[in-house]
Each structure stands twice: as C-alpha cells, then as structure tokens.
Amino acid sequence: MCRELEKACREVDCPLTLQLQAGFDHSYYFISTFMRDHLTYYASALGGVGAAAWGPL
C-alpha cells in the first residue's frame, strides 16, 4: 500500500516523506519512535508552538 501512495504522489507531483523501516509495522512501538517529529511538524504548520514547549513526551 505504501508503494501505491508513493507512486500516486509522484504522478501528481505531490511532496511526500515516506518513512519505511525494515522489520517494522504500524504498531504502537514503531509509531512512538517518530511521534515527536509528527507533532512538531503539524504544530509548526498550524502556527503553534514547537515541541520544546511541550516537555518530554
């Protein structure tokens, strides 16, 4: 499914950052490894504060 998304984005020139890690699925443990990056990105995009203001997650 990820490869189809990658192909569709490329076909319409839509920027995509796709993180694939061998041996990982979409379990809580995998998602938790990049949650801070995810929240920081969206907070910035929405004009909010950065992750430094949140303290440890």
PDB file of N, CA and C in Angstrom:
ATOM      1  N   MET A   1       0.814  -1.193   0.000  1.00  0.00           N
ATOM      2  CA  MET A   1       0.000   0.000   0.000  1.00  0.00           C
ATOM      3  C   MET A   1       0.862   1.264   0.000  1.00  0.00           C
ATOM      4  N   CYS A   2       1.960   1.254   0.707  1.00  0.00           N
ATOM      5  CA  CYS A   2       2.834   2.431   0.754  1.00  0.00           C
ATOM      6  C   CYS A   2       3.404   2.753  -0.624  1.00  0.00           C
ATOM      7  N   ARG A   3       3.727   1.726  -1.373  1.00  0.00           N
ATOM      8  CA  ARG A   3       4.286   1.948  -2.708  1.00  0.00           C
ATOM      9  C   ARG A   3       3.259   2.572  -3.644  1.00  0.00           C
ATOM     10  N   GLU A   4       1.982   2.204  -3.483  1.00  0.00           N
ATOM     11  CA  GLU A   4       0.924   2.801  -4.299  1.00  0.00           C
ATOM     12  C   GLU A   4       0.766   4.281  -3.969  1.00  0.00           C
ATOM     13  N   LEU A   5       0.852   4.619  -2.680  1.00  0.00           N
ATOM     14  CA  LEU A   5       0.775   6.021  -2.262  1.00  0.00           C
ATOM     15  C   LEU A   5       1.949   6.803  -2.836  1.00  0.00           C
ATOM     16  N   GLU A   6       3.136   6.227  -2.743  1.00  0.00           N
ATOM     17  CA  GLU A   6       4.338   6.860  -3.279  1.00  0.00           C
ATOM     18  C   GLU A   6       4.187   7.121  -4.780  1.00  0.00           C
ATOM     19  N   LYS A   7       3.694   6.146  -5.501  1.00  0.00           N
ATOM     20  CA  LYS A   7       3.507   6.281  -6.955  1.00  0.00           C
ATOM     21  C   LYS A   7       2.467   7.357  -7.272  1.00  0.00           C
ATOM     22  N   ALA A   8       1.345   7.346  -6.559  1.00  0.00           N
ATOM     23  CA  ALA A   8       0.289   8.335  -6.804  1.00  0.00           C
ATOM     24  C   ALA A   8       0.784   9.754  -6.543  1.00  0.00           C
ATOM     25  N   CYS A   9       1.534   9.945  -5.497  1.00  0.00           N
ATOM     26  CA  CYS A   9       2.077  11.275  -5.190  1.00  0.00           C
ATOM     27  C   CYS A   9       3.056  11.731  -6.265  1.00  0.00           C
ATOM     28  N   ARG A  10       3.886  10.817  -6.711  1.00  0.00           N
ATOM     29  CA  ARG A  10       4.851  11.152  -7.763  1.00  0.00           C
ATOM     30  C   ARG A  10       4.137  11.546  -9.055  1.00  0.00           C
ATOM     31  N   GLU A  11       3.053  10.839  -9.382  1.00  0.00           N
ATOM     32  CA  GLU A  11       2.324  11.110 -10.625  1.00  0.00           C
ATOM     33  C   GLU A  11       1.677  12.492 -10.653  1.00  0.00           C
ATOM     34  N   VAL A  12       1.306  13.015  -9.489  1.00  0.00           N
ATOM     35  CA  VAL A  12       0.665  14.340  -9.454  1.00  0.00           C
ATOM     36  C   VAL A  12       1.588  15.401  -8.857  1.00  0.00           C
ATOM     37  N   ASP A  13       2.867  15.064  -8.725  1.00  0.00           N
ATOM     38  CA  ASP A  13       3.883  15.978  -8.214  1.00  0.00           C
ATOM     39  C   ASP A  13       3.524  16.504  -6.820  1.00  0.00           C
ATOM     40  N   CYS A  14       3.086  15.595  -5.964  1.00  0.00           N
ATOM     41  CA  CYS A  14       2.728  15.930  -4.581  1.00  0.00           C
ATOM     42  C   CYS A  14       3.891  15.531  -3.665  1.00  0.00           C
ATOM     43  N   PRO A  15       4.427  16.460  -2.890  1.00  0.00           N
ATOM     44  CA  PRO A  15       5.537  16.120  -1.989  1.00  0.00           C
ATOM     45  C   PRO A  15       5.121  15.041  -0.990  1.00  0.00           C
ATOM     46  N   LEU A  16       6.024  14.129  -0.709  1.00  0.00           N
ATOM     47  CA  LEU A  16       5.751  13.042   0.223  1.00  0.00           C
ATOM     48  C   LEU A  16       7.021  12.671   0.969  1.00  0.00           C
ATOM     49  N   THR A  17       6.927  12.556   2.272  1.00  0.00           N
ATOM     50  CA  THR A  17       8.004  11.993   3.074  1.00  0.00           C
ATOM     51  C   THR A  17       7.504  10.660   3.574  1.00  0.00           C
ATOM     52  N   LEU A  18       8.077   9.595   3.075  1.00  0.00           N
ATOM     53  CA  LEU A  18       7.634   8.250   3.400  1.00  0.00           C
ATOM     54  C   LEU A  18       8.731   7.564   4.192  1.00  0.00           C
ATOM     55  N   GLN A  19       8.430   7.172   5.424  1.00  0.00           N
ATOM     56  CA  GLN A  19       9.410   6.509   6.274  1.00  0.00           C
ATOM     57  C   GLN A  19       9.126   5.016   6.292  1.00  0.00           C
ATOM     58  N   LEU A  20       9.995   4.251   5.671  1.00  0.00           N
ATOM     59  CA  LEU A  20       9.881   2.797   5.683  1.00  0.00           C
ATOM     60  C   LEU A  20      11.074   2.228   6.436  1.00  0.00           C
ATOM     61  N   GLN A  21      10.800   1.362   7.380  1.00  0.00           N
ATOM     62  CA  GLN A  21      11.853   0.736   8.160  1.00  0.00           C
ATOM     63  C   GLN A  21      11.674  -0.771   8.085  1.00  0.00           C
ATOM     64  N   ALA A  22      12.685  -1.452   7.617  1.00  0.00           N
ATOM     65  CA  ALA A  22      12.613  -2.917   7.510  1.00  0.00           C
ATOM     66  C   ALA A  22      12.323  -3.538   8.875  1.00  0.00           C
ATOM     67  N   GLY A  23      11.366  -4.447   8.896  1.00  0.00           N
ATOM     68  CA  GLY A  23      11.051  -5.150  10.125  1.00  0.00           C
ATOM     69  C   GLY A  23      10.060  -4.455  11.034  1.00  0.00           C
ATOM     70  N   PHE A  24       9.587  -3.273  10.670  1.00  0.00           N
ATOM     71  CA  PHE A  24       8.639  -2.548  11.496  1.00  0.00           C
ATOM     72  C   PHE A  24       7.270  -2.516  10.841  1.00  0.00           C
ATOM     73  N   ASP A  25       6.243  -2.568  11.665  1.00  0.00           N
ATOM     74  CA  ASP A  25       4.880  -2.435  11.175  1.00  0.00           C
ATOM     75  C   ASP A  25       4.303  -1.117  11.707  1.00  0.00           C
ATOM     76  N   HIS A  26       3.011  -0.998  11.764  1.00  0.00           N
ATOM     77  CA  HIS A  26       2.407   0.233  12.273  1.00  0.00           C
ATOM     78  C   HIS A  26       1.942   0.065  13.718  1.00  0.00           C
ATOM     79  N   SER A  27       2.695  -0.689  14.486  1.00  0.00           N
ATOM     80  CA  SER A  27       2.363  -0.895  15.884  1.00  0.00           C
ATOM     81  C   SER A  27       2.656   0.363  16.699  1.00  0.00           C
ATOM     82  N   TYR A  28       2.172   0.375  17.916  1.00  0.00           N
ATOM     83  CA  TYR A  28       2.416   1.495  18.828  1.00  0.00           C
ATOM     84  C   TYR A  28       3.912   1.768  18.953  1.00  0.00           C
ATOM     85  N   TYR A  29       4.712   0.717  19.062  1.00  0.00           N
ATOM     86  CA  TYR A  29       6.142   0.889  19.303  1.00  0.00           C
ATOM     87  C   TYR A  29       6.842   1.570  18.131  1.00  0.00           C
ATOM     88  N   PHE A  30       6.443   1.237  16.920  1.00  0.00           N
ATOM     89  CA  PHE A  30       7.028   1.903  15.757  1.00  0.00           C
ATOM     90  C   PHE A  30       6.570   3.356  15.681  1.00  0.00           C
ATOM     91  N   ILE A  31       5.275   3.581  15.814  1.00  0.00           N
ATOM     92  CA  ILE A  31       4.731   4.937  15.725  1.00  0.00           C
ATOM     93  C   ILE A  31       5.351   5.832  16.798  1.00  0.00           C
ATOM     94  N   SER A  32       5.561   5.291  17.987  1.00  0.00           N
ATOM     95  CA  SER A  32       6.109   6.101  19.077  1.00  0.00           C
ATOM     96  C   SER A  32       7.525   6.588  18.794  1.00  0.00           C
ATOM     97  N   THR A  33       8.243   5.966  17.854  1.00  0.00           N
ATOM     98  CA  THR A  33       9.605   6.385  17.560  1.00  0.00           C
ATOM     99  C   THR A  33       9.670   7.683  16.778  1.00  0.00           C
ATOM    100  N   PHE A  34       8.565   8.103  16.164  1.00  0.00           N
ATOM    101  CA  PHE A  34       8.594   9.369  15.438  1.00  0.00           C
ATOM    102  C   PHE A  34       7.416  10.281  15.780  1.00  0.00           C
ATOM    103  N   MET A  35       6.733  10.042  16.887  1.00  0.00           N
ATOM    104  CA  MET A  35       5.586  10.853  17.265  1.00  0.00           C
ATOM    105  C   MET A  35       5.975  12.311  17.509  1.00  0.00           C
ATOM    106  N   ARG A  36       7.110  12.540  18.162  1.00  0.00           N
ATOM    107  CA  ARG A  36       7.543  13.918  18.413  1.00  0.00           C
ATOM    108  C   ARG A  36       7.734  14.660  17.079  1.00  0.00           C
ATOM    109  N   ASP A  37       8.380  14.043  16.106  1.00  0.00           N
ATOM    110  CA  ASP A  37       8.573  14.676  14.798  1.00  0.00           C
ATOM    111  C   ASP A  37       7.230  14.996  14.153  1.00  0.00           C
ATOM    112  N   HIS A  38       6.298  14.075  14.254  1.00  0.00           N
ATOM    113  CA  HIS A  38       4.968  14.236  13.665  1.00  0.00           C
ATOM    114  C   HIS A  38       4.234  15.425  14.297  1.00  0.00           C
ATOM    115  N   LEU A  39       4.220  15.476  15.617  1.00  0.00           N
ATOM    116  CA  LEU A  39       3.529  16.564  16.308  1.00  0.00           C
ATOM    117  C   LEU A  39       4.215  17.912  16.082  1.00  0.00           C
ATOM    118  N   THR A  40       5.531  17.913  16.059  1.00  0.00           N
ATOM    119  CA  THR A  40       6.270  19.150  15.810  1.00  0.00           C
ATOM    120  C   THR A  40       5.957  19.697  14.427  1.00  0.00           C
ATOM    121  N   TYR A  41       5.918  18.823  13.437  1.00  0.00           N
ATOM    122  CA  TYR A  41       5.614  19.254  12.078  1.00  0.00           C
ATOM    123  C   TYR A  41       4.237  19.908  12.005  1.00  0.00           C
ATOM    124  N   TYR A  42       3.232  19.232  12.548  1.00  0.00           N
ATOM    125  CA  TYR A  42       1.879  19.768  12.444  1.00  0.00           C
ATOM    126  C   TYR A  42       1.667  21.002  13.306  1.00  0.00           C
ATOM    127  N   ALA A  43       2.299  21.073  14.456  1.00  0.00           N
ATOM    128  CA  ALA A  43       2.203  22.276  15.284  1.00  0.00           C
ATOM    129  C   ALA A  43       2.788  23.470  14.539  1.00  0.00           C
ATOM    130  N   SER A  44       3.920  23.259  13.884  1.00  0.00           N
ATOM    131  CA  SER A  44       4.553  24.325  13.112  1.00  0.00           C
ATOM    132  C   SER A  44       3.686  24.726  11.919  1.00  0.00           C
ATOM    133  N   ALA A  45       3.165  23.732  11.221  1.00  0.00           N
ATOM    134  CA  ALA A  45       2.340  24.003  10.036  1.00  0.00           C
ATOM    135  C   ALA A  45       1.067  24.761  10.406  1.00  0.00           C
ATOM    136  N   LEU A  46       0.565  24.537  11.615  1.00  0.00           N
ATOM    137  CA  LEU A  46      -0.658  25.197  12.055  1.00  0.00           C
ATOM    138  C   LEU A  46      -0.378  26.479  12.845  1.00  0.00           C
ATOM    139  N   GLY A  47       0.900  26.867  12.914  1.00  0.00           N
ATOM    140  CA  GLY A  47       1.266  28.113  13.583  1.00  0.00           C
ATOM    141  C   GLY A  47       1.347  27.999  15.091  1.00  0.00           C
ATOM    142  N   GLY A  48       1.479  26.791  15.608  1.00  0.00           N
ATOM    143  CA  GLY A  48       1.546  26.581  17.048  1.00  0.00           C
ATOM    144  C   GLY A  48       2.961  26.623  17.581  1.00  0.00           C
ATOM    145  N   VAL A  49       3.122  26.199  18.814  1.00  0.00           N
ATOM    146  CA  VAL A  49       4.428  26.196  19.451  1.00  0.00           C
ATOM    147  C   VAL A  49       5.192  24.934  19.066  1.00  0.00           C
ATOM    148  N   GLY A  50       6.501  24.987  19.249  1.00  0.00           N
ATOM    149  CA  GLY A  50       7.337  23.836  18.933  1.00  0.00           C
ATOM    150  C   GLY A  50       7.347  22.823  20.052  1.00  0.00           C
ATOM    151  N   ALA A  51       7.966  21.688  19.806  1.00  0.00           N
ATOM    152  CA  ALA A  51       7.990  20.577  20.758  1.00  0.00           C
ATOM    153  C   ALA A  51       8.727  20.943  22.043  1.00  0.00           C
ATOM    154  N   ALA A  52       9.671  21.875  21.987  1.00  0.00           N
ATOM    155  CA  ALA A  52      10.421  22.252  23.184  1.00  0.00           C
ATOM    156  C   ALA A  52       9.497  22.754  24.283  1.00  0.00           C
ATOM    157  N   ALA A  53       8.393  23.371  23.913  1.00  0.00           N
ATOM    158  CA  ALA A  53       7.456  23.903  24.897  1.00  0.00           C
ATOM    159  C   ALA A  53       6.623  22.807  25.544  1.00  0.00           C
ATOM    160  N   TRP A  54       6.602  21.611  24.969  1.00  0.00           N
ATOM    161  CA  TRP A  54       5.745  20.545  25.484  1.00  0.00           C
ATOM    162  C   TRP A  54       6.402  19.748  26.592  1.00  0.00           C
ATOM    163  N   GLY A  55       7.709  19.781  26.659  1.00  0.00           N
ATOM    164  CA  GLY A  55       8.403  18.925  27.614  1.00  0.00           C
ATOM    165  C   GLY A  55       8.504  17.516  27.062  1.00  0.00           C
ATOM    166  N   PRO A  56       8.898  16.571  27.902  1.00  0.00           N
ATOM    167  CA  PRO A  56       9.052  15.187  27.417  1.00  0.00           C
ATOM    168  C   PRO A  56       7.713  14.568  27.051  1.00  0.00           C
ATOM    169  N   LEU A  57       7.718  13.786  25.979  1.00  0.00           N
ATOM    170  CA  LEU A  57       6.505  13.066  25.581  1.00  0.00           C
ATOM    171  C   LEU A  57       6.539  11.672  26.128  1.00  0.00           C
TER     172      LEU A  57
END
